[in-house]
N, C-alpha and C. Protein backbone atom coordinates (compact mmCIF):
# COMPACT_ATOMS: atom_id res chain seq x y z
N MET A 1 -16.96 -38.01 -13.46
CA MET A 1 -15.77 -38.15 -14.31
C MET A 1 -15.21 -36.78 -14.65
N MET A 2 -13.89 -36.63 -14.54
CA MET A 2 -13.25 -35.34 -14.79
C MET A 2 -13.24 -35.03 -16.28
N SER A 3 -13.60 -33.79 -16.61
CA SER A 3 -13.61 -33.37 -18.01
C SER A 3 -12.19 -33.16 -18.51
N LEU A 4 -12.05 -33.11 -19.85
CA LEU A 4 -10.74 -32.86 -20.45
C LEU A 4 -10.18 -31.51 -20.00
N ALA A 5 -11.05 -30.48 -19.94
CA ALA A 5 -10.60 -29.15 -19.52
C ALA A 5 -10.09 -29.17 -18.08
N GLU A 6 -10.77 -29.92 -17.21
CA GLU A 6 -10.35 -30.02 -15.82
C GLU A 6 -9.01 -30.75 -15.70
N ARG A 7 -8.85 -31.84 -16.46
CA ARG A 7 -7.58 -32.58 -16.43
C ARG A 7 -6.45 -31.70 -16.94
N THR A 8 -6.72 -30.93 -18.00
CA THR A 8 -5.70 -30.05 -18.58
C THR A 8 -5.23 -29.03 -17.57
N LYS A 9 -6.17 -28.44 -16.82
CA LYS A 9 -5.81 -27.42 -15.84
C LYS A 9 -5.01 -28.01 -14.69
N ARG A 10 -5.30 -29.27 -14.33
CA ARG A 10 -4.53 -29.90 -13.26
C ARG A 10 -3.10 -30.19 -13.71
N GLU A 11 -2.93 -30.50 -14.99
CA GLU A 11 -1.61 -30.83 -15.51
C GLU A 11 -0.76 -29.59 -15.80
N LYS A 12 -1.40 -28.50 -16.17
CA LYS A 12 -0.66 -27.28 -16.51
C LYS A 12 -0.08 -26.62 -15.26
N VAL A 13 0.98 -25.85 -15.46
CA VAL A 13 1.52 -25.00 -14.40
C VAL A 13 1.06 -23.58 -14.69
N HIS A 14 0.30 -23.03 -13.78
CA HIS A 14 -0.20 -21.66 -13.93
C HIS A 14 0.84 -20.71 -13.34
N ILE A 15 1.41 -19.88 -14.17
CA ILE A 15 2.44 -18.94 -13.71
C ILE A 15 1.86 -17.55 -13.61
N ILE A 16 2.04 -16.95 -12.44
CA ILE A 16 1.65 -15.57 -12.20
C ILE A 16 2.93 -14.75 -12.25
N GLY A 17 3.07 -13.95 -13.30
CA GLY A 17 4.34 -13.27 -13.50
C GLY A 17 4.24 -11.76 -13.56
N CYS A 18 5.37 -11.13 -13.36
CA CYS A 18 5.48 -9.68 -13.53
C CYS A 18 5.48 -9.37 -15.02
N GLY A 19 4.68 -8.40 -15.42
CA GLY A 19 4.61 -8.02 -16.82
C GLY A 19 5.94 -7.55 -17.38
N ALA A 20 6.85 -7.13 -16.51
CA ALA A 20 8.15 -6.65 -16.96
C ALA A 20 9.06 -7.77 -17.44
N ILE A 21 8.69 -9.03 -17.14
CA ILE A 21 9.50 -10.15 -17.61
C ILE A 21 8.67 -11.11 -18.47
N ALA A 22 7.53 -10.65 -18.95
CA ALA A 22 6.65 -11.51 -19.75
C ALA A 22 7.36 -12.03 -21.00
N ARG A 23 8.04 -11.14 -21.71
CA ARG A 23 8.74 -11.54 -22.93
C ARG A 23 9.79 -12.61 -22.64
N GLU A 24 10.49 -12.46 -21.54
CA GLU A 24 11.52 -13.41 -21.18
C GLU A 24 10.93 -14.76 -20.77
N ILE A 25 9.82 -14.74 -20.03
CA ILE A 25 9.16 -15.99 -19.66
C ILE A 25 8.74 -16.76 -20.91
N LEU A 26 8.11 -16.06 -21.85
CA LEU A 26 7.67 -16.71 -23.08
C LEU A 26 8.85 -17.25 -23.88
N ALA A 27 9.95 -16.51 -23.90
CA ALA A 27 11.14 -16.95 -24.63
C ALA A 27 11.71 -18.22 -24.02
N VAL A 28 11.79 -18.28 -22.69
CA VAL A 28 12.29 -19.47 -22.01
C VAL A 28 11.38 -20.66 -22.28
N CYS A 29 10.07 -20.44 -22.24
CA CYS A 29 9.12 -21.52 -22.49
C CYS A 29 9.26 -22.06 -23.90
N GLU A 30 9.38 -21.16 -24.86
CA GLU A 30 9.51 -21.58 -26.25
C GLU A 30 10.82 -22.35 -26.48
N ALA A 31 11.90 -21.84 -25.92
CA ALA A 31 13.22 -22.46 -26.13
C ALA A 31 13.31 -23.84 -25.48
N ASN A 32 12.53 -24.08 -24.45
CA ASN A 32 12.62 -25.33 -23.71
C ASN A 32 11.40 -26.23 -23.87
N GLY A 33 10.51 -25.87 -24.80
CA GLY A 33 9.34 -26.70 -25.05
C GLY A 33 8.40 -26.80 -23.87
N LEU A 34 8.29 -25.73 -23.10
CA LEU A 34 7.42 -25.74 -21.91
C LEU A 34 6.00 -25.36 -22.31
N ASP A 35 5.36 -26.24 -23.06
CA ASP A 35 4.02 -25.92 -23.56
C ASP A 35 2.93 -26.23 -22.53
N HIS A 36 3.33 -26.67 -21.33
CA HIS A 36 2.36 -26.92 -20.27
C HIS A 36 2.21 -25.69 -19.37
N ILE A 37 2.81 -24.57 -19.77
CA ILE A 37 2.76 -23.35 -18.97
C ILE A 37 1.52 -22.52 -19.35
N ASP A 38 0.80 -22.10 -18.35
CA ASP A 38 -0.32 -21.17 -18.54
C ASP A 38 0.08 -19.88 -17.83
N LEU A 39 0.28 -18.82 -18.61
CA LEU A 39 0.86 -17.59 -18.07
C LEU A 39 -0.16 -16.46 -17.97
N VAL A 40 -0.19 -15.82 -16.81
CA VAL A 40 -0.92 -14.57 -16.65
C VAL A 40 0.05 -13.57 -16.04
N CYS A 41 0.07 -12.35 -16.57
CA CYS A 41 1.01 -11.34 -16.07
C CYS A 41 0.28 -10.17 -15.42
N LEU A 42 0.84 -9.70 -14.35
CA LEU A 42 0.31 -8.54 -13.64
C LEU A 42 1.01 -7.28 -14.18
N PRO A 43 0.44 -6.11 -13.93
CA PRO A 43 0.98 -4.89 -14.55
C PRO A 43 2.46 -4.66 -14.30
N ALA A 44 3.19 -4.41 -15.36
CA ALA A 44 4.63 -4.18 -15.26
C ALA A 44 4.95 -2.95 -14.42
N ILE A 45 4.07 -1.96 -14.44
CA ILE A 45 4.33 -0.72 -13.72
C ILE A 45 4.40 -0.94 -12.21
N TRP A 46 3.90 -2.09 -11.73
CA TRP A 46 4.03 -2.40 -10.30
C TRP A 46 5.49 -2.56 -9.91
N HIS A 47 6.37 -2.66 -10.90
CA HIS A 47 7.82 -2.62 -10.65
C HIS A 47 8.17 -1.38 -9.84
N ASN A 48 7.41 -0.30 -10.03
CA ASN A 48 7.65 0.97 -9.32
C ASN A 48 6.79 1.12 -8.07
N THR A 49 5.84 0.22 -7.87
CA THR A 49 4.94 0.31 -6.70
C THR A 49 4.82 -1.07 -6.06
N PRO A 50 5.87 -1.55 -5.40
CA PRO A 50 5.88 -2.92 -4.88
C PRO A 50 4.79 -3.23 -3.86
N ASP A 51 4.19 -2.21 -3.25
CA ASP A 51 3.12 -2.47 -2.30
C ASP A 51 1.89 -3.08 -2.97
N LYS A 52 1.81 -2.98 -4.28
CA LYS A 52 0.66 -3.55 -5.01
C LYS A 52 0.89 -5.01 -5.40
N ILE A 53 2.13 -5.47 -5.31
CA ILE A 53 2.46 -6.80 -5.83
C ILE A 53 1.78 -7.91 -5.04
N THR A 54 1.95 -7.92 -3.72
CA THR A 54 1.41 -9.03 -2.93
C THR A 54 -0.11 -9.12 -3.00
N PRO A 55 -0.86 -8.03 -2.84
CA PRO A 55 -2.32 -8.14 -3.01
C PRO A 55 -2.70 -8.61 -4.41
N GLY A 56 -1.95 -8.16 -5.42
CA GLY A 56 -2.24 -8.57 -6.79
C GLY A 56 -1.99 -10.05 -7.00
N VAL A 57 -0.89 -10.55 -6.44
CA VAL A 57 -0.58 -11.97 -6.56
C VAL A 57 -1.62 -12.81 -5.82
N LYS A 58 -2.01 -12.36 -4.64
CA LYS A 58 -3.03 -13.08 -3.87
C LYS A 58 -4.33 -13.20 -4.66
N ASP A 59 -4.75 -12.11 -5.26
CA ASP A 59 -5.96 -12.12 -6.07
C ASP A 59 -5.81 -13.07 -7.26
N ALA A 60 -4.63 -13.06 -7.89
CA ALA A 60 -4.39 -13.92 -9.05
C ALA A 60 -4.38 -15.39 -8.66
N ILE A 61 -3.85 -15.71 -7.48
CA ILE A 61 -3.88 -17.09 -6.99
C ILE A 61 -5.31 -17.56 -6.78
N GLU A 62 -6.12 -16.70 -6.16
CA GLU A 62 -7.52 -17.05 -5.91
C GLU A 62 -8.26 -17.28 -7.22
N LYS A 63 -8.02 -16.45 -8.20
CA LYS A 63 -8.68 -16.60 -9.50
C LYS A 63 -8.23 -17.87 -10.21
N ALA A 64 -6.95 -18.19 -10.09
CA ALA A 64 -6.42 -19.40 -10.74
C ALA A 64 -7.05 -20.65 -10.12
N ARG A 65 -7.16 -20.67 -8.80
CA ARG A 65 -7.73 -21.83 -8.13
C ARG A 65 -9.23 -21.94 -8.42
N ALA A 66 -9.89 -20.81 -8.56
CA ALA A 66 -11.31 -20.84 -8.91
C ALA A 66 -11.53 -21.42 -10.30
N LYS A 67 -10.52 -21.29 -11.16
CA LYS A 67 -10.60 -21.85 -12.52
C LYS A 67 -10.15 -23.31 -12.58
N GLY A 68 -9.68 -23.83 -11.45
CA GLY A 68 -9.31 -25.24 -11.41
C GLY A 68 -7.84 -25.54 -11.51
N PHE A 69 -6.98 -24.52 -11.53
CA PHE A 69 -5.55 -24.77 -11.59
C PHE A 69 -5.04 -25.20 -10.22
N GLU A 70 -4.25 -26.27 -10.20
CA GLU A 70 -3.70 -26.77 -8.95
C GLU A 70 -2.22 -26.44 -8.79
N ARG A 71 -1.50 -26.40 -9.89
CA ARG A 71 -0.05 -26.12 -9.85
C ARG A 71 0.17 -24.66 -10.22
N ILE A 72 0.63 -23.88 -9.25
CA ILE A 72 0.79 -22.44 -9.41
C ILE A 72 2.21 -22.05 -9.02
N PHE A 73 2.81 -21.20 -9.84
CA PHE A 73 4.17 -20.72 -9.57
C PHE A 73 4.18 -19.21 -9.74
N VAL A 74 4.86 -18.51 -8.84
CA VAL A 74 4.89 -17.05 -8.86
C VAL A 74 6.21 -16.59 -9.47
N ALA A 75 6.12 -15.95 -10.62
CA ALA A 75 7.31 -15.46 -11.33
C ALA A 75 7.62 -14.02 -10.91
N TYR A 76 7.89 -13.88 -9.63
CA TYR A 76 8.37 -12.64 -9.02
C TYR A 76 9.50 -13.02 -8.07
N ALA A 77 10.47 -12.15 -7.93
CA ALA A 77 11.39 -12.23 -6.81
C ALA A 77 10.71 -11.49 -5.65
N ASP A 78 11.46 -11.13 -4.62
CA ASP A 78 10.84 -10.35 -3.53
C ASP A 78 10.38 -9.00 -4.04
N CYS A 79 11.16 -8.39 -4.92
CA CYS A 79 10.76 -7.18 -5.65
C CYS A 79 10.31 -6.02 -4.76
N GLY A 80 10.99 -5.86 -3.64
CA GLY A 80 10.68 -4.72 -2.78
C GLY A 80 9.51 -4.91 -1.84
N THR A 81 8.99 -6.14 -1.72
CA THR A 81 7.85 -6.36 -0.84
C THR A 81 8.27 -6.58 0.61
N GLY A 82 9.57 -6.63 0.85
CA GLY A 82 10.05 -6.76 2.23
C GLY A 82 9.66 -8.05 2.92
N GLY A 83 9.59 -9.14 2.15
CA GLY A 83 9.25 -10.43 2.74
C GLY A 83 7.77 -10.73 2.78
N ILE A 84 6.93 -9.75 2.48
CA ILE A 84 5.48 -9.96 2.54
C ILE A 84 5.03 -10.95 1.47
N LEU A 85 5.65 -10.88 0.28
CA LEU A 85 5.30 -11.84 -0.78
C LEU A 85 5.67 -13.26 -0.35
N ASP A 86 6.80 -13.42 0.33
CA ASP A 86 7.19 -14.75 0.82
C ASP A 86 6.16 -15.30 1.80
N ARG A 87 5.65 -14.46 2.67
CA ARG A 87 4.65 -14.92 3.64
C ARG A 87 3.39 -15.37 2.92
N LEU A 88 2.99 -14.61 1.90
CA LEU A 88 1.82 -15.02 1.13
C LEU A 88 2.05 -16.36 0.45
N CYS A 89 3.21 -16.52 -0.19
CA CYS A 89 3.52 -17.78 -0.88
C CYS A 89 3.50 -18.95 0.09
N GLU A 90 4.03 -18.74 1.29
CA GLU A 90 4.02 -19.80 2.30
C GLU A 90 2.60 -20.14 2.71
N GLU A 91 1.78 -19.12 2.93
CA GLU A 91 0.38 -19.35 3.31
C GLU A 91 -0.39 -20.09 2.22
N GLU A 92 -0.10 -19.76 0.97
CA GLU A 92 -0.84 -20.34 -0.15
C GLU A 92 -0.22 -21.65 -0.66
N GLY A 93 0.96 -21.99 -0.15
CA GLY A 93 1.59 -23.22 -0.58
C GLY A 93 2.11 -23.19 -2.00
N VAL A 94 2.61 -22.01 -2.43
CA VAL A 94 3.18 -21.88 -3.77
C VAL A 94 4.62 -21.40 -3.65
N GLU A 95 5.38 -21.59 -4.73
CA GLU A 95 6.76 -21.15 -4.75
C GLU A 95 6.92 -19.93 -5.65
N ARG A 96 8.01 -19.22 -5.45
CA ARG A 96 8.35 -18.09 -6.31
C ARG A 96 9.78 -18.21 -6.76
N ILE A 97 10.19 -17.36 -7.70
CA ILE A 97 11.58 -17.33 -8.13
C ILE A 97 12.45 -16.85 -6.97
N ALA A 98 13.55 -17.53 -6.72
CA ALA A 98 14.46 -17.12 -5.66
C ALA A 98 15.16 -15.82 -6.04
N GLY A 99 15.40 -15.00 -5.04
CA GLY A 99 16.17 -13.78 -5.26
C GLY A 99 15.46 -12.54 -4.77
N PRO A 100 16.20 -11.45 -4.57
CA PRO A 100 15.62 -10.21 -4.08
C PRO A 100 14.90 -9.41 -5.15
N HIS A 101 15.32 -9.55 -6.42
CA HIS A 101 14.72 -8.78 -7.52
C HIS A 101 15.14 -9.39 -8.85
N CYS A 102 14.57 -8.87 -9.94
CA CYS A 102 14.85 -9.46 -11.25
C CYS A 102 16.30 -9.24 -11.68
N TYR A 103 16.93 -8.16 -11.23
CA TYR A 103 18.33 -7.95 -11.58
C TYR A 103 19.18 -9.12 -11.08
N SER A 104 18.86 -9.57 -9.88
CA SER A 104 19.61 -10.65 -9.27
C SER A 104 19.38 -11.97 -9.99
N PHE A 105 18.12 -12.33 -10.25
CA PHE A 105 17.95 -13.64 -10.87
C PHE A 105 18.33 -13.64 -12.34
N PHE A 106 18.29 -12.50 -13.03
CA PHE A 106 18.80 -12.47 -14.40
C PHE A 106 20.32 -12.63 -14.41
N ALA A 107 20.98 -11.98 -13.49
CA ALA A 107 22.44 -12.10 -13.41
C ALA A 107 22.87 -13.46 -12.87
N GLY A 108 21.93 -14.13 -12.19
CA GLY A 108 22.24 -15.34 -11.43
C GLY A 108 22.43 -14.92 -9.99
N ASN A 109 21.59 -15.42 -9.10
CA ASN A 109 21.62 -14.93 -7.72
C ASN A 109 22.99 -15.04 -7.06
N ASP A 110 23.68 -16.15 -7.30
CA ASP A 110 25.01 -16.32 -6.68
C ASP A 110 25.99 -15.29 -7.23
N ASP A 111 25.97 -15.09 -8.55
CA ASP A 111 26.90 -14.13 -9.16
C ASP A 111 26.58 -12.71 -8.71
N PHE A 112 25.30 -12.39 -8.63
CA PHE A 112 24.89 -11.05 -8.21
C PHE A 112 25.38 -10.78 -6.79
N ALA A 113 25.24 -11.76 -5.92
CA ALA A 113 25.69 -11.59 -4.54
C ALA A 113 27.20 -11.42 -4.46
N ARG A 114 27.94 -12.17 -5.27
CA ARG A 114 29.40 -12.05 -5.26
C ARG A 114 29.86 -10.66 -5.71
N ARG A 115 29.14 -10.05 -6.63
CA ARG A 115 29.52 -8.76 -7.17
C ARG A 115 29.00 -7.57 -6.36
N TRP A 116 28.15 -7.85 -5.35
CA TRP A 116 27.40 -6.76 -4.74
C TRP A 116 28.29 -5.67 -4.14
N GLU A 117 29.41 -6.03 -3.57
CA GLU A 117 30.26 -5.01 -2.96
C GLU A 117 30.73 -3.99 -4.01
N ASP A 118 31.02 -4.47 -5.22
CA ASP A 118 31.44 -3.58 -6.30
C ASP A 118 30.25 -2.87 -6.95
N ASP A 119 29.08 -3.50 -6.87
CA ASP A 119 27.90 -2.97 -7.55
C ASP A 119 27.00 -2.13 -6.64
N PHE A 120 27.43 -1.91 -5.44
CA PHE A 120 26.58 -1.24 -4.45
C PHE A 120 26.09 0.12 -4.94
N THR A 121 26.89 0.81 -5.73
CA THR A 121 26.52 2.13 -6.23
C THR A 121 26.12 2.09 -7.71
N SER A 122 25.59 0.94 -8.14
CA SER A 122 25.17 0.78 -9.53
C SER A 122 23.66 0.89 -9.67
N PHE A 123 23.24 1.46 -10.79
CA PHE A 123 21.83 1.51 -11.18
C PHE A 123 21.65 0.51 -12.31
N PHE A 124 20.68 -0.39 -12.18
CA PHE A 124 20.55 -1.49 -13.13
C PHE A 124 19.40 -1.29 -14.10
N LEU A 125 19.63 -1.74 -15.32
CA LEU A 125 18.56 -1.83 -16.32
C LEU A 125 18.56 -3.23 -16.91
N THR A 126 17.38 -3.71 -17.27
CA THR A 126 17.20 -4.95 -18.02
C THR A 126 16.73 -4.58 -19.42
N ASP A 127 16.55 -5.58 -20.28
CA ASP A 127 16.04 -5.31 -21.63
C ASP A 127 14.74 -4.51 -21.55
N PHE A 128 13.83 -4.97 -20.70
CA PHE A 128 12.54 -4.29 -20.56
C PHE A 128 12.72 -2.84 -20.15
N LEU A 129 13.56 -2.59 -19.17
CA LEU A 129 13.72 -1.23 -18.66
C LEU A 129 14.46 -0.32 -19.64
N VAL A 130 15.30 -0.91 -20.49
CA VAL A 130 15.90 -0.09 -21.54
C VAL A 130 14.82 0.34 -22.53
N ARG A 131 13.97 -0.62 -22.92
CA ARG A 131 12.89 -0.28 -23.85
C ARG A 131 11.92 0.73 -23.25
N GLN A 132 11.70 0.63 -21.93
CA GLN A 132 10.71 1.47 -21.26
C GLN A 132 11.36 2.53 -20.37
N PHE A 133 12.55 2.97 -20.72
CA PHE A 133 13.31 3.88 -19.87
C PHE A 133 12.54 5.17 -19.57
N GLU A 134 11.93 5.75 -20.58
CA GLU A 134 11.17 6.98 -20.37
C GLU A 134 10.00 6.74 -19.42
N ALA A 135 9.21 5.69 -19.70
CA ALA A 135 7.98 5.45 -18.94
C ALA A 135 8.22 4.96 -17.52
N PHE A 136 9.35 4.25 -17.30
CA PHE A 136 9.56 3.63 -16.00
C PHE A 136 10.62 4.33 -15.15
N VAL A 137 11.42 5.18 -15.75
CA VAL A 137 12.47 5.88 -14.99
C VAL A 137 12.29 7.39 -15.08
N ILE A 138 12.36 7.92 -16.29
CA ILE A 138 12.36 9.38 -16.47
C ILE A 138 11.04 10.02 -16.03
N GLU A 139 9.94 9.53 -16.55
CA GLU A 139 8.64 10.16 -16.25
C GLU A 139 8.22 10.00 -14.79
N PRO A 140 8.32 8.79 -14.18
CA PRO A 140 7.92 8.67 -12.77
C PRO A 140 8.72 9.56 -11.83
N LEU A 141 9.99 9.82 -12.18
CA LEU A 141 10.83 10.68 -11.34
C LEU A 141 10.69 12.16 -11.69
N GLY A 142 9.91 12.44 -12.73
CA GLY A 142 9.70 13.83 -13.13
C GLY A 142 10.88 14.46 -13.83
N LEU A 143 11.83 13.63 -14.30
CA LEU A 143 13.03 14.19 -14.93
C LEU A 143 12.75 14.75 -16.31
N ASP A 144 11.63 14.36 -16.91
CA ASP A 144 11.24 14.95 -18.19
C ASP A 144 10.83 16.40 -18.01
N ARG A 145 10.30 16.72 -16.82
CA ARG A 145 9.84 18.07 -16.53
C ARG A 145 10.86 18.86 -15.73
N HIS A 146 11.63 18.16 -14.92
CA HIS A 146 12.61 18.83 -14.04
C HIS A 146 13.95 18.10 -14.11
N PRO A 147 14.68 18.24 -15.21
CA PRO A 147 15.96 17.53 -15.35
C PRO A 147 16.98 17.93 -14.29
N GLU A 148 16.76 19.07 -13.66
CA GLU A 148 17.70 19.52 -12.63
C GLU A 148 17.67 18.61 -11.39
N LEU A 149 16.65 17.74 -11.30
CA LEU A 149 16.55 16.81 -10.17
C LEU A 149 17.44 15.58 -10.33
N ARG A 150 18.08 15.46 -11.48
CA ARG A 150 18.88 14.27 -11.77
C ARG A 150 19.89 13.97 -10.66
N ASP A 151 20.65 14.96 -10.25
CA ASP A 151 21.70 14.71 -9.27
C ASP A 151 21.14 14.36 -7.90
N MET A 152 19.94 14.84 -7.62
CA MET A 152 19.32 14.50 -6.34
C MET A 152 18.98 13.01 -6.31
N TYR A 153 18.50 12.48 -7.43
CA TYR A 153 18.13 11.07 -7.51
C TYR A 153 19.34 10.16 -7.72
N PHE A 154 20.28 10.59 -8.53
CA PHE A 154 21.35 9.70 -8.98
C PHE A 154 22.75 10.12 -8.54
N GLY A 155 22.82 11.11 -7.66
CA GLY A 155 24.13 11.61 -7.22
C GLY A 155 24.97 10.58 -6.49
N HIS A 156 24.33 9.58 -5.87
CA HIS A 156 25.08 8.57 -5.12
C HIS A 156 25.42 7.34 -5.96
N TYR A 157 24.91 7.30 -7.18
CA TYR A 157 25.26 6.20 -8.08
C TYR A 157 26.53 6.55 -8.85
N LYS A 158 27.29 5.53 -9.22
CA LYS A 158 28.51 5.73 -10.00
C LYS A 158 28.40 5.22 -11.42
N LYS A 159 27.62 4.15 -11.62
CA LYS A 159 27.53 3.58 -12.96
C LYS A 159 26.15 2.99 -13.21
N LEU A 160 25.80 2.92 -14.47
CA LEU A 160 24.60 2.21 -14.92
C LEU A 160 25.05 0.88 -15.50
N VAL A 161 24.51 -0.20 -14.99
CA VAL A 161 24.84 -1.53 -15.47
C VAL A 161 23.65 -2.09 -16.23
N TYR A 162 23.86 -2.36 -17.51
CA TYR A 162 22.82 -2.95 -18.34
C TYR A 162 22.98 -4.45 -18.33
N LEU A 163 22.04 -5.14 -17.66
CA LEU A 163 22.01 -6.60 -17.62
C LEU A 163 21.15 -7.06 -18.79
N SER A 164 21.78 -7.55 -19.81
CA SER A 164 21.11 -7.82 -21.08
C SER A 164 20.66 -9.27 -21.20
N GLN A 165 19.38 -9.47 -21.54
CA GLN A 165 18.86 -10.82 -21.74
C GLN A 165 19.08 -11.29 -23.18
N ARG A 166 19.04 -10.37 -24.12
CA ARG A 166 19.28 -10.68 -25.52
C ARG A 166 20.32 -9.71 -26.07
N GLU A 167 21.21 -10.22 -26.88
CA GLU A 167 22.23 -9.35 -27.46
C GLU A 167 21.60 -8.55 -28.60
N ASP A 168 21.41 -7.27 -28.37
CA ASP A 168 20.71 -6.40 -29.30
C ASP A 168 21.46 -5.07 -29.35
N GLU A 169 22.03 -4.76 -30.50
CA GLU A 169 22.85 -3.55 -30.61
C GLU A 169 22.04 -2.28 -30.36
N ASP A 170 20.79 -2.27 -30.83
CA ASP A 170 19.95 -1.10 -30.62
C ASP A 170 19.71 -0.85 -29.13
N LEU A 171 19.42 -1.91 -28.39
CA LEU A 171 19.20 -1.75 -26.95
C LEU A 171 20.48 -1.32 -26.24
N GLN A 172 21.61 -1.83 -26.70
CA GLN A 172 22.88 -1.42 -26.10
C GLN A 172 23.13 0.07 -26.30
N GLU A 173 22.83 0.56 -27.48
CA GLU A 173 23.00 1.99 -27.76
C GLU A 173 22.06 2.81 -26.89
N ARG A 174 20.83 2.34 -26.75
CA ARG A 174 19.86 3.07 -25.93
C ARG A 174 20.25 3.06 -24.46
N ALA A 175 20.80 1.95 -23.99
CA ALA A 175 21.25 1.86 -22.60
C ALA A 175 22.42 2.81 -22.34
N GLU A 176 23.33 2.89 -23.31
CA GLU A 176 24.47 3.79 -23.15
C GLU A 176 24.02 5.24 -23.12
N LYS A 177 23.02 5.57 -23.94
CA LYS A 177 22.47 6.93 -23.92
C LYS A 177 21.76 7.21 -22.60
N ALA A 178 21.11 6.19 -22.05
CA ALA A 178 20.46 6.35 -20.74
C ALA A 178 21.50 6.67 -19.67
N ALA A 179 22.63 5.98 -19.72
CA ALA A 179 23.70 6.25 -18.76
C ALA A 179 24.20 7.69 -18.88
N GLU A 180 24.38 8.13 -20.11
CA GLU A 180 24.83 9.51 -20.35
C GLU A 180 23.81 10.50 -19.79
N ARG A 181 22.55 10.20 -20.01
CA ARG A 181 21.49 11.10 -19.54
C ARG A 181 21.47 11.21 -18.03
N LEU A 182 21.82 10.12 -17.37
CA LEU A 182 21.83 10.13 -15.90
C LEU A 182 23.18 10.55 -15.33
N GLY A 183 24.14 10.79 -16.20
CA GLY A 183 25.46 11.21 -15.75
C GLY A 183 26.25 10.11 -15.09
N LEU A 184 26.06 8.86 -15.57
CA LEU A 184 26.71 7.71 -14.96
C LEU A 184 27.64 7.02 -15.95
N ALA A 185 28.66 6.36 -15.44
CA ALA A 185 29.49 5.49 -16.27
C ALA A 185 28.62 4.33 -16.76
N TYR A 186 29.02 3.72 -17.85
CA TYR A 186 28.20 2.66 -18.46
C TYR A 186 28.94 1.33 -18.46
N GLU A 187 28.21 0.27 -18.10
CA GLU A 187 28.77 -1.07 -18.16
C GLU A 187 27.73 -2.02 -18.73
N TYR A 188 28.16 -2.84 -19.66
CA TYR A 188 27.27 -3.81 -20.31
C TYR A 188 27.63 -5.22 -19.86
N ARG A 189 26.61 -5.98 -19.45
CA ARG A 189 26.82 -7.39 -19.10
C ARG A 189 25.73 -8.22 -19.75
N PHE A 190 26.11 -9.16 -20.56
CA PHE A 190 25.13 -10.09 -21.12
C PHE A 190 24.90 -11.20 -20.11
N THR A 191 23.65 -11.36 -19.68
CA THR A 191 23.31 -12.36 -18.67
C THR A 191 22.50 -13.52 -19.24
N GLY A 192 21.82 -13.30 -20.38
CA GLY A 192 20.83 -14.27 -20.81
C GLY A 192 19.68 -14.23 -19.81
N TYR A 193 19.04 -15.38 -19.61
CA TYR A 193 17.88 -15.42 -18.72
C TYR A 193 18.22 -15.84 -17.30
N GLY A 194 19.50 -16.12 -17.05
CA GLY A 194 19.95 -16.38 -15.69
C GLY A 194 19.16 -17.48 -15.00
N ASP A 195 18.81 -17.23 -13.74
CA ASP A 195 18.09 -18.22 -12.94
C ASP A 195 16.62 -18.32 -13.31
N LEU A 196 16.13 -17.42 -14.13
CA LEU A 196 14.74 -17.50 -14.57
C LEU A 196 14.50 -18.82 -15.31
N ALA A 197 15.42 -19.19 -16.18
CA ALA A 197 15.25 -20.40 -16.98
C ALA A 197 15.15 -21.65 -16.09
N SER A 198 16.07 -21.79 -15.16
CA SER A 198 16.05 -22.99 -14.30
C SER A 198 14.82 -22.99 -13.39
N ALA A 199 14.39 -21.81 -12.95
CA ALA A 199 13.21 -21.72 -12.09
C ALA A 199 11.96 -22.18 -12.83
N LEU A 200 11.81 -21.74 -14.06
CA LEU A 200 10.63 -22.13 -14.84
C LEU A 200 10.65 -23.62 -15.19
N LYS A 201 11.83 -24.13 -15.50
CA LYS A 201 11.93 -25.54 -15.86
C LYS A 201 11.65 -26.46 -14.67
N SER A 202 11.98 -25.98 -13.47
CA SER A 202 11.75 -26.80 -12.27
C SER A 202 10.36 -26.61 -11.69
N ALA A 203 9.65 -25.59 -12.18
CA ALA A 203 8.32 -25.28 -11.61
C ALA A 203 7.32 -26.38 -11.91
């Protein structure tokens, strides 16, 4: 006879997510009463090292199945894996969020694609990246130590686009300062949670 814990794990959806969108996943779950979600997040810093994502997701899938979870959903877009994450998901029989990256699914994949010709020279930030601008942009590029490298990294960009999940004046001010620091024009777009919400609800 199946134990209560085993039945619970079969009924729950185990989500393997990027730590950079953990806050947003939890917000969507709370707003939509998705209390059947079991969330584990992988390191957000892998946003800068996409080669670590697929092995990390594979390991997380194996651990989830070893614990008895049957329904697994991957809360990553392709995120720079070049299709390797898709191959893993196909092999493991799990789904992931549609889209090339979080900027796209937050904006809405269809809308992001329509705007791409105009946005081709844009540098994007999300709520998470505004909060972690120093740790995820400035420090990894060495701009805290060598600000003269700014134009080498960002000389081909024209604007910084802040794709905002929550309307927060403090984050907007910080995003505008980030644009100034990078020498880029600033544009603010409130997206909400975009396709993330529908993906989680359908998972």
